[in-house]
Amino acid sequence: MKLYERAQIVETREEFVEFTRAFYDDYRRGGKDWENTDLESFFEALAACADDMCGYYENRGEPVPTQPTWKTFVNLLMCARIYD
Protein backbone atom coordinates (compact mmCIF):
# COMPACT_ATOMS: atom_id res chain seq x y z
CA MET A 1 0.00 0.00 0.00
CA LYS A 2 1.35 3.43 -0.92
CA LEU A 3 1.92 6.06 1.75
CA TYR A 4 -0.89 8.30 0.48
CA GLU A 5 -3.34 5.38 0.53
CA ARG A 6 -2.23 4.41 4.02
CA ALA A 7 -2.74 8.01 5.21
CA GLN A 8 -6.36 7.94 4.05
CA ILE A 9 -7.38 5.05 6.31
CA VAL A 10 -5.95 6.13 9.67
CA GLU A 11 -8.60 6.34 12.36
CA THR A 12 -7.13 4.61 15.41
CA ARG A 13 -3.94 4.83 17.45
CA GLU A 14 -2.83 1.46 16.10
CA GLU A 15 -3.32 2.64 12.52
CA PHE A 16 -1.38 5.81 13.35
CA VAL A 17 1.51 3.71 14.66
CA GLU A 18 1.49 1.61 11.47
CA PHE A 19 1.31 4.76 9.36
CA THR A 20 4.20 6.37 11.26
CA ARG A 21 6.37 3.32 10.64
CA ALA A 22 5.49 3.40 6.93
CA PHE A 23 6.11 7.17 6.88
CA TYR A 24 9.59 6.72 8.33
CA ASP A 25 10.31 3.83 5.97
CA ASP A 26 9.30 6.01 3.01
CA TYR A 27 11.70 8.70 4.25
CA ARG A 28 14.56 6.22 4.71
CA ARG A 29 14.06 4.92 1.19
CA GLY A 30 14.43 8.45 -0.16
CA GLY A 31 10.76 8.99 -0.89
CA LYS A 32 10.47 10.94 -4.13
CA ASP A 33 7.75 13.22 -2.75
CA TRP A 34 9.82 14.55 0.17
CA GLU A 35 10.65 18.24 -0.10
CA ASN A 36 11.94 18.53 3.48
CA THR A 37 14.55 15.83 3.84
CA ASP A 38 16.45 17.05 6.88
CA LEU A 39 15.15 17.30 10.43
CA GLU A 40 15.45 21.09 10.63
CA SER A 41 13.42 21.79 7.49
CA PHE A 42 10.89 19.06 8.35
CA PHE A 43 10.15 20.49 11.81
CA GLU A 44 10.02 24.02 10.42
CA ALA A 45 7.49 22.83 7.85
CA LEU A 46 5.56 20.89 10.51
CA ALA A 47 5.15 24.06 12.57
CA ALA A 48 4.12 26.01 9.48
CA CYS A 49 1.57 23.35 8.54
CA ALA A 50 0.08 23.40 12.04
CA ASP A 51 -0.05 27.21 11.90
CA ASP A 52 -1.81 27.14 8.51
CA MET A 53 -3.99 24.12 9.28
CA CYS A 54 -7.24 26.02 8.61
CA GLY A 55 -6.07 26.89 5.11
CA TYR A 56 -5.02 23.29 4.45
CA TYR A 57 -8.48 21.94 5.22
CA GLU A 58 -10.30 24.80 3.50
CA ASN A 59 -8.25 24.27 0.31
CA ARG A 60 -9.27 20.62 0.36
CA GLY A 61 -12.93 21.52 0.87
CA GLU A 62 -12.96 19.77 4.24
CA PRO A 63 -14.17 21.08 7.60
CA VAL A 64 -11.45 22.35 9.94
CA PRO A 65 -11.25 19.94 12.90
CA THR A 66 -12.10 21.44 16.27
CA GLN A 67 -10.46 18.53 18.09
CA PRO A 68 -7.40 16.80 16.66
CA THR A 69 -7.70 13.14 15.75
CA TRP A 70 -5.11 10.55 14.70
CA LYS A 71 -5.98 11.55 11.13
CA THR A 72 -5.17 15.19 11.95
CA PHE A 73 -1.65 14.16 12.98
CA VAL A 74 -1.29 12.12 9.78
CA ASN A 75 -2.36 15.13 7.71
CA LEU A 76 0.21 17.33 9.47
CA LEU A 77 2.99 14.82 8.83
CA MET A 78 2.02 14.41 5.18
CA CYS A 79 1.87 18.17 4.75
CA ALA A 80 5.25 18.75 6.46
CA ARG A 81 7.11 16.46 4.07
CA ILE A 82 6.22 18.67 1.11
CA TYR A 83 5.47 22.14 2.58
CA ASP A 84 7.69 24.80 1.11
PDB file of N, CA and C in Angstrom:
ATOM      1  N   MET A   1       0.843  -1.175   0.000  1.00  0.00           N
ATOM      2  CA  MET A   1       0.000   0.000   0.000  1.00  0.00           C
ATOM      3  C   MET A   1       0.892   1.244   0.000  1.00  0.00           C
ATOM      4  N   LYS A   2       0.564   2.199  -0.836  1.00  0.00           N
ATOM      5  CA  LYS A   2       1.346   3.427  -0.919  1.00  0.00           C
ATOM      6  C   LYS A   2       1.062   4.316   0.292  1.00  0.00           C
ATOM      7  N   LEU A   3       2.017   5.196   0.571  1.00  0.00           N
ATOM      8  CA  LEU A   3       1.925   6.056   1.748  1.00  0.00           C
ATOM      9  C   LEU A   3       0.642   6.888   1.721  1.00  0.00           C
ATOM     10  N   TYR A   4       0.316   7.486   0.593  1.00  0.00           N
ATOM     11  CA  TYR A   4      -0.895   8.296   0.485  1.00  0.00           C
ATOM     12  C   TYR A   4      -2.143   7.467   0.796  1.00  0.00           C
ATOM     13  N   GLU A   5      -2.193   6.257   0.267  1.00  0.00           N
ATOM     14  CA  GLU A   5      -3.338   5.380   0.527  1.00  0.00           C
ATOM     15  C   GLU A   5      -3.427   5.034   2.007  1.00  0.00           C
ATOM     16  N   ARG A   6      -2.277   4.749   2.606  1.00  0.00           N
ATOM     17  CA  ARG A   6      -2.230   4.412   4.023  1.00  0.00           C
ATOM     18  C   ARG A   6      -2.709   5.589   4.880  1.00  0.00           C
ATOM     19  N   ALA A   7      -2.340   6.800   4.465  1.00  0.00           N
ATOM     20  CA  ALA A   7      -2.740   8.005   5.207  1.00  0.00           C
ATOM     21  C   ALA A   7      -4.255   8.179   5.215  1.00  0.00           C
ATOM     22  N   GLN A   8      -4.913   7.746   4.166  1.00  0.00           N
ATOM     23  CA  GLN A   8      -6.362   7.936   4.046  1.00  0.00           C
ATOM     24  C   GLN A   8      -7.169   7.077   5.008  1.00  0.00           C
ATOM     25  N   ILE A   9      -6.589   5.994   5.509  1.00  0.00           N
ATOM     26  CA  ILE A   9      -7.383   5.054   6.309  1.00  0.00           C
ATOM     27  C   ILE A   9      -7.122   5.130   7.812  1.00  0.00           C
ATOM     28  N   VAL A  10      -6.280   6.052   8.239  1.00  0.00           N
ATOM     29  CA  VAL A  10      -5.947   6.129   9.666  1.00  0.00           C
ATOM     30  C   VAL A  10      -7.118   6.682  10.464  1.00  0.00           C
ATOM     31  N   GLU A  11      -7.543   5.921  11.444  1.00  0.00           N
ATOM     32  CA  GLU A  11      -8.602   6.336  12.360  1.00  0.00           C
ATOM     33  C   GLU A  11      -8.221   6.070  13.817  1.00  0.00           C
ATOM     34  N   THR A  12      -7.436   5.029  14.047  1.00  0.00           N
ATOM     35  CA  THR A  12      -7.126   4.610  15.412  1.00  0.00           C
ATOM     36  C   THR A  12      -5.649   4.832  15.738  1.00  0.00           C
ATOM     37  N   ARG A  13      -5.334   4.708  17.015  1.00  0.00           N
ATOM     38  CA  ARG A  13      -3.939   4.831  17.452  1.00  0.00           C
ATOM     39  C   ARG A  13      -3.080   3.771  16.797  1.00  0.00           C
ATOM     40  N   GLU A  14      -3.588   2.555  16.716  1.00  0.00           N
ATOM     41  CA  GLU A  14      -2.831   1.464  16.101  1.00  0.00           C
ATOM     42  C   GLU A  14      -2.543   1.747  14.632  1.00  0.00           C
ATOM     43  N   GLU A  15      -3.528   2.280  13.922  1.00  0.00           N
ATOM     44  CA  GLU A  15      -3.325   2.636  12.518  1.00  0.00           C
ATOM     45  C   GLU A  15      -2.333   3.785  12.389  1.00  0.00           C
ATOM     46  N   PHE A  16      -2.354   4.710  13.360  1.00  0.00           N
ATOM     47  CA  PHE A  16      -1.385   5.808  13.350  1.00  0.00           C
ATOM     48  C   PHE A  16       0.028   5.270  13.539  1.00  0.00           C
ATOM     49  N   VAL A  17       0.192   4.315  14.437  1.00  0.00           N
ATOM     50  CA  VAL A  17       1.509   3.707  14.657  1.00  0.00           C
ATOM     51  C   VAL A  17       1.983   3.027  13.376  1.00  0.00           C
ATOM     52  N   GLU A  18       1.125   2.272  12.736  1.00  0.00           N
ATOM     53  CA  GLU A  18       1.486   1.611  11.471  1.00  0.00           C
ATOM     54  C   GLU A  18       1.839   2.647  10.409  1.00  0.00           C
ATOM     55  N   PHE A  19       1.037   3.709  10.324  1.00  0.00           N
ATOM     56  CA  PHE A  19       1.315   4.760   9.359  1.00  0.00           C
ATOM     57  C   PHE A  19       2.671   5.410   9.642  1.00  0.00           C
ATOM     58  N   THR A  20       2.948   5.706  10.903  1.00  0.00           N
ATOM     59  CA  THR A  20       4.202   6.369  11.262  1.00  0.00           C
ATOM     60  C   THR A  20       5.394   5.514  10.877  1.00  0.00           C
ATOM     61  N   ARG A  21       5.290   4.215  11.063  1.00  0.00           N
ATOM     62  CA  ARG A  21       6.375   3.317  10.640  1.00  0.00           C
ATOM     63  C   ARG A  21       6.540   3.339   9.118  1.00  0.00           C
ATOM     64  N   ALA A  22       5.436   3.336   8.400  1.00  0.00           N
ATOM     65  CA  ALA A  22       5.495   3.396   6.934  1.00  0.00           C
ATOM     66  C   ALA A  22       6.026   4.760   6.474  1.00  0.00           C
ATOM     67  N   PHE A  23       5.652   5.810   7.180  1.00  0.00           N
ATOM     68  CA  PHE A  23       6.111   7.171   6.876  1.00  0.00           C
ATOM     69  C   PHE A  23       7.626   7.250   7.010  1.00  0.00           C
ATOM     70  N   TYR A  24       8.146   6.723   8.108  1.00  0.00           N
ATOM     71  CA  TYR A  24       9.592   6.716   8.334  1.00  0.00           C
ATOM     72  C   TYR A  24      10.302   5.842   7.296  1.00  0.00           C
ATOM     73  N   ASP A  25       9.725   4.709   6.978  1.00  0.00           N
ATOM     74  CA  ASP A  25      10.306   3.825   5.974  1.00  0.00           C
ATOM     75  C   ASP A  25      10.361   4.519   4.614  1.00  0.00           C
ATOM     76  N   ASP A  26       9.316   5.250   4.270  1.00  0.00           N
ATOM     77  CA  ASP A  26       9.300   6.007   3.015  1.00  0.00           C
ATOM     78  C   ASP A  26      10.417   7.043   3.008  1.00  0.00           C
ATOM     79  N   TYR A  27      10.611   7.721   4.126  1.00  0.00           N
ATOM     80  CA  TYR A  27      11.696   8.702   4.252  1.00  0.00           C
ATOM     81  C   TYR A  27      13.061   8.036   4.075  1.00  0.00           C
ATOM     82  N   ARG A  28      13.275   6.923   4.775  1.00  0.00           N
ATOM     83  CA  ARG A  28      14.563   6.218   4.706  1.00  0.00           C
ATOM     84  C   ARG A  28      14.875   5.736   3.303  1.00  0.00           C
ATOM     85  N   ARG A  29      13.866   5.392   2.569  1.00  0.00           N
ATOM     86  CA  ARG A  29      14.059   4.919   1.194  1.00  0.00           C
ATOM     87  C   ARG A  29      14.221   6.063   0.204  1.00  0.00           C
ATOM     88  N   GLY A  30      14.261   7.295   0.725  1.00  0.00           N
ATOM     89  CA  GLY A  30      14.428   8.453  -0.155  1.00  0.00           C
ATOM     90  C   GLY A  30      13.176   8.776  -0.933  1.00  0.00           C
ATOM     91  N   GLY A  31      12.045   8.720  -0.244  1.00  0.00           N
ATOM     92  CA  GLY A  31      10.757   8.986  -0.886  1.00  0.00           C
ATOM     93  C   GLY A  31      10.808  10.155  -1.849  1.00  0.00           C
ATOM     94  N   LYS A  32      10.351   9.942  -3.070  1.00  0.00           N
ATOM     95  CA  LYS A  32      10.475  10.942  -4.129  1.00  0.00           C
ATOM     96  C   LYS A  32       9.632  12.178  -3.869  1.00  0.00           C
ATOM     97  N   ASP A  33       8.640  12.093  -2.998  1.00  0.00           N
ATOM     98  CA  ASP A  33       7.754  13.224  -2.749  1.00  0.00           C
ATOM     99  C   ASP A  33       8.186  14.077  -1.564  1.00  0.00           C
ATOM    100  N   TRP A  34       9.353  13.809  -1.005  1.00  0.00           N
ATOM    101  CA  TRP A  34       9.816  14.553   0.166  1.00  0.00           C
ATOM    102  C   TRP A  34      10.545  15.826  -0.261  1.00  0.00           C
ATOM    103  N   GLU A  35      10.003  16.959   0.135  1.00  0.00           N
ATOM    104  CA  GLU A  35      10.647  18.244  -0.103  1.00  0.00           C
ATOM    105  C   GLU A  35      11.589  18.575   1.065  1.00  0.00           C
ATOM    106  N   ASN A  36      11.184  18.219   2.263  1.00  0.00           N
ATOM    107  CA  ASN A  36      11.940  18.535   3.483  1.00  0.00           C
ATOM    108  C   ASN A  36      12.622  17.266   3.994  1.00  0.00           C
ATOM    109  N   THR A  37      13.852  17.090   3.577  1.00  0.00           N
ATOM    110  CA  THR A  37      14.546  15.830   3.842  1.00  0.00           C
ATOM    111  C   THR A  37      15.495  15.867   5.029  1.00  0.00           C
ATOM    112  N   ASP A  38      15.646  17.020   5.666  1.00  0.00           N
ATOM    113  CA  ASP A  38      16.452  17.047   6.884  1.00  0.00           C
ATOM    114  C   ASP A  38      15.545  17.445   8.046  1.00  0.00           C
ATOM    115  N   LEU A  39      15.979  17.105   9.243  1.00  0.00           N
ATOM    116  CA  LEU A  39      15.153  17.298  10.429  1.00  0.00           C
ATOM    117  C   LEU A  39      14.772  18.764  10.634  1.00  0.00           C
ATOM    118  N   GLU A  40      15.711  19.662  10.421  1.00  0.00           N
ATOM    119  CA  GLU A  40      15.445  21.085  10.627  1.00  0.00           C
ATOM    120  C   GLU A  40      14.333  21.592   9.710  1.00  0.00           C
ATOM    121  N   SER A  41      14.442  21.304   8.418  1.00  0.00           N
ATOM    122  CA  SER A  41      13.420  21.790   7.487  1.00  0.00           C
ATOM    123  C   SER A  41      12.088  21.078   7.707  1.00  0.00           C
ATOM    124  N   PHE A  42      12.129  19.796   8.099  1.00  0.00           N
ATOM    125  CA  PHE A  42      10.894  19.064   8.348  1.00  0.00           C
ATOM    126  C   PHE A  42      10.130  19.667   9.525  1.00  0.00           C
ATOM    127  N   PHE A  43      10.838  19.929  10.639  1.00  0.00           N
ATOM    128  CA  PHE A  43      10.150  20.492  11.807  1.00  0.00           C
ATOM    129  C   PHE A  43       9.699  21.928  11.561  1.00  0.00           C
ATOM    130  N   GLU A  44      10.451  22.676  10.790  1.00  0.00           N
ATOM    131  CA  GLU A  44      10.021  24.021  10.423  1.00  0.00           C
ATOM    132  C   GLU A  44       8.736  23.948   9.607  1.00  0.00           C
ATOM    133  N   ALA A  45       8.693  23.024   8.666  1.00  0.00           N
ATOM    134  CA  ALA A  45       7.494  22.833   7.849  1.00  0.00           C
ATOM    135  C   ALA A  45       6.334  22.307   8.686  1.00  0.00           C
ATOM    136  N   LEU A  46       6.607  21.423   9.635  1.00  0.00           N
ATOM    137  CA  LEU A  46       5.559  20.893  10.505  1.00  0.00           C
ATOM    138  C   LEU A  46       4.899  22.023  11.292  1.00  0.00           C
ATOM    139  N   ALA A  47       5.703  22.921  11.845  1.00  0.00           N
ATOM    140  CA  ALA A  47       5.155  24.064  12.574  1.00  0.00           C
ATOM    141  C   ALA A  47       4.336  24.956  11.646  1.00  0.00           C
ATOM    142  N   ALA A  48       4.840  25.179  10.437  1.00  0.00           N
ATOM    143  CA  ALA A  48       4.120  26.012   9.475  1.00  0.00           C
ATOM    144  C   ALA A  48       2.794  25.358   9.076  1.00  0.00           C
ATOM    145  N   CYS A  49       2.800  24.059   8.892  1.00  0.00           N
ATOM    146  CA  CYS A  49       1.568  23.346   8.544  1.00  0.00           C
ATOM    147  C   CYS A  49       0.537  23.455   9.662  1.00  0.00           C
ATOM    148  N   ALA A  50       0.991  23.291  10.893  1.00  0.00           N
ATOM    149  CA  ALA A  50       0.084  23.405  12.036  1.00  0.00           C
ATOM    150  C   ALA A  50      -0.473  24.823  12.125  1.00  0.00           C
ATOM    151  N   ASP A  51       0.376  25.808  11.850  1.00  0.00           N
ATOM    152  CA  ASP A  51      -0.051  27.206  11.902  1.00  0.00           C
ATOM    153  C   ASP A  51      -1.074  27.510  10.813  1.00  0.00           C
ATOM    154  N   ASP A  52      -0.931  26.888   9.650  1.00  0.00           N
ATOM    155  CA  ASP A  52      -1.813  27.136   8.507  1.00  0.00           C
ATOM    156  C   ASP A  52      -2.825  26.010   8.325  1.00  0.00           C
ATOM    157  N   MET A  53      -3.125  25.289   9.376  1.00  0.00           N
ATOM    158  CA  MET A  53      -3.994  24.124   9.275  1.00  0.00           C
ATOM    159  C   MET A  53      -5.379  24.481   8.733  1.00  0.00           C
ATOM    160  N   CYS A  54      -5.915  25.624   9.110  1.00  0.00           N
ATOM    161  CA  CYS A  54      -7.238  26.022   8.612  1.00  0.00           C
ATOM    162  C   CYS A  54      -7.221  26.123   7.090  1.00  0.00           C
ATOM    163  N   GLY A  55      -6.187  26.757   6.555  1.00  0.00           N
ATOM    164  CA  GLY A  55      -6.073  26.894   5.107  1.00  0.00           C
ATOM    165  C   GLY A  55      -5.943  25.555   4.409  1.00  0.00           C
ATOM    166  N   TYR A  56      -5.200  24.629   5.025  1.00  0.00           N
ATOM    167  CA  TYR A  56      -5.023  23.288   4.453  1.00  0.00           C
ATOM    168  C   TYR A  56      -6.375  22.608   4.259  1.00  0.00           C
ATOM    169  N   TYR A  57      -7.188  22.611   5.311  1.00  0.00           N
ATOM    170  CA  TYR A  57      -8.483  21.939   5.223  1.00  0.00           C
ATOM    171  C   TYR A  57      -9.442  22.691   4.304  1.00  0.00           C
ATOM    172  N   GLU A  58      -9.424  24.016   4.374  1.00  0.00           N
ATOM    173  CA  GLU A  58     -10.300  24.803   3.503  1.00  0.00           C
ATOM    174  C   GLU A  58      -9.962  24.588   2.034  1.00  0.00           C
ATOM    175  N   ASN A  59      -8.672  24.513   1.698  1.00  0.00           N
ATOM    176  CA  ASN A  59      -8.254  24.269   0.312  1.00  0.00           C
ATOM    177  C   ASN A  59      -8.693  22.901  -0.183  1.00  0.00           C
ATOM    178  N   ARG A  60      -8.830  21.964   0.724  1.00  0.00           N
ATOM    179  CA  ARG A  60      -9.267  20.619   0.360  1.00  0.00           C
ATOM    180  C   ARG A  60     -10.790  20.482   0.380  1.00  0.00           C
ATOM    181  N   GLY A  61     -11.475  21.570   0.796  1.00  0.00           N
ATOM    182  CA  GLY A  61     -12.931  21.523   0.875  1.00  0.00           C
ATOM    183  C   GLY A  61     -13.439  20.686   2.035  1.00  0.00           C
ATOM    184  N   GLU A  62     -12.607  20.566   3.079  1.00  0.00           N
ATOM    185  CA  GLU A  62     -12.960  19.767   4.244  1.00  0.00           C
ATOM    186  C   GLU A  62     -13.157  20.678   5.453  1.00  0.00           C
ATOM    187  N   PRO A  63     -13.985  20.264   6.400  1.00  0.00           N
ATOM    188  CA  PRO A  63     -14.165  21.083   7.602  1.00  0.00           C
ATOM    189  C   PRO A  63     -12.885  21.086   8.448  1.00  0.00           C
ATOM    190  N   VAL A  64     -12.611  22.222   9.052  1.00  0.00           N
ATOM    191  CA  VAL A  64     -11.449  22.347   9.936  1.00  0.00           C
ATOM    192  C   VAL A  64     -11.780  21.632  11.241  1.00  0.00           C
ATOM    193  N   PRO A  65     -10.947  20.671  11.665  1.00  0.00           N
ATOM    194  CA  PRO A  65     -11.249  19.945  12.898  1.00  0.00           C
ATOM    195  C   PRO A  65     -11.186  20.865  14.119  1.00  0.00           C
ATOM    196  N   THR A  66     -12.133  20.677  15.021  1.00  0.00           N
ATOM    197  CA  THR A  66     -12.102  21.439  16.265  1.00  0.00           C
ATOM    198  C   THR A  66     -11.307  20.690  17.329  1.00  0.00           C
ATOM    199  N   GLN A  67     -11.254  19.387  17.206  1.00  0.00           N
ATOM    200  CA  GLN A  67     -10.457  18.532  18.086  1.00  0.00           C
ATOM    201  C   GLN A  67      -9.564  17.667  17.209  1.00  0.00           C
ATOM    202  N   PRO A  68      -8.270  17.639  17.496  1.00  0.00           N
ATOM    203  CA  PRO A  68      -7.400  16.800  16.664  1.00  0.00           C
ATOM    204  C   PRO A  68      -7.722  15.316  16.832  1.00  0.00           C
ATOM    205  N   THR A  69      -7.544  14.590  15.741  1.00  0.00           N
ATOM    206  CA  THR A  69      -7.704  13.141  15.746  1.00  0.00           C
ATOM    207  C   THR A  69      -6.395  12.529  15.264  1.00  0.00           C
ATOM    208  N   TRP A  70      -6.307  11.209  15.250  1.00  0.00           N
ATOM    209  CA  TRP A  70      -5.115  10.550  14.702  1.00  0.00           C
ATOM    210  C   TRP A  70      -4.933  10.962  13.245  1.00  0.00           C
ATOM    211  N   LYS A  71      -6.033  11.126  12.538  1.00  0.00           N
ATOM    212  CA  LYS A  71      -5.985  11.549  11.133  1.00  0.00           C
ATOM    213  C   LYS A  71      -5.413  12.965  11.008  1.00  0.00           C
ATOM    214  N   THR A  72      -5.712  13.838  11.969  1.00  0.00           N
ATOM    215  CA  THR A  72      -5.165  15.190  11.952  1.00  0.00           C
ATOM    216  C   THR A  72      -3.647  15.139  12.006  1.00  0.00           C
ATOM    217  N   PHE A  73      -3.108  14.293  12.874  1.00  0.00           N
ATOM    218  CA  PHE A  73      -1.654  14.155  12.976  1.00  0.00           C
ATOM    219  C   PHE A  73      -1.060  13.608  11.683  1.00  0.00           C
ATOM    220  N   VAL A  74      -1.738  12.662  11.073  1.00  0.00           N
ATOM    221  CA  VAL A  74      -1.285  12.120   9.784  1.00  0.00           C
ATOM    222  C   VAL A  74      -1.254  13.236   8.739  1.00  0.00           C
ATOM    223  N   ASN A  75      -2.302  14.041   8.691  1.00  0.00           N
ATOM    224  CA  ASN A  75      -2.355  15.133   7.712  1.00  0.00           C
ATOM    225  C   ASN A  75      -1.223  16.126   7.933  1.00  0.00           C
ATOM    226  N   LEU A  76      -0.901  16.430   9.179  1.00  0.00           N
ATOM    227  CA  LEU A  76       0.205  17.335   9.470  1.00  0.00           C
ATOM    228  C   LEU A  76       1.538  16.746   9.005  1.00  0.00           C
ATOM    229  N   LEU A  77       1.755  15.463   9.266  1.00  0.00           N
ATOM    230  CA  LEU A  77       2.994  14.817   8.828  1.00  0.00           C
ATOM    231  C   LEU A  77       3.104  14.800   7.304  1.00  0.00           C
ATOM    232  N   MET A  78       2.013  14.453   6.643  1.00  0.00           N
ATOM    233  CA  MET A  78       2.024  14.413   5.184  1.00  0.00           C
ATOM    234  C   MET A  78       2.269  15.801   4.599  1.00  0.00           C
ATOM    235  N   CYS A  79       1.685  16.797   5.203  1.00  0.00           N
ATOM    236  CA  CYS A  79       1.873  18.175   4.749  1.00  0.00           C
ATOM    237  C   CYS A  79       3.333  18.607   4.963  1.00  0.00           C
ATOM    238  N   ALA A  80       3.892  18.282   6.121  1.00  0.00           N
ATOM    239  CA  ALA A  80       5.253  18.747   6.461  1.00  0.00           C
ATOM    240  C   ALA A  80       6.314  18.172   5.534  1.00  0.00           C
ATOM    241  N   ARG A  81       6.074  17.040   4.949  1.00  0.00           N
ATOM    242  CA  ARG A  81       7.113  16.461   4.072  1.00  0.00           C
ATOM    243  C   ARG A  81       7.226  17.208   2.762  1.00  0.00           C
ATOM    244  N   ILE A  82       6.191  17.982   2.391  1.00  0.00           N
ATOM    245  CA  ILE A  82       6.216  18.673   1.106  1.00  0.00           C
ATOM    246  C   ILE A  82       6.069  20.190   1.222  1.00  0.00           C
ATOM    247  N   TYR A  83       5.744  20.699   2.393  1.00  0.00           N
ATOM    248  CA  TYR A  83       5.475  22.136   2.575  1.00  0.00           C
ATOM    249  C   TYR A  83       6.715  22.949   2.280  1.00  0.00           C
ATOM    250  N   ASP A  84       6.552  23.969   1.485  1.00  0.00           N
ATOM    251  CA  ASP A  84       7.691  24.798   1.110  1.00  0.00           C
ATOM    252  C   ASP A  84       7.514  26.203   1.610  1.00  0.00           C
TER     253      ASP A  84
END
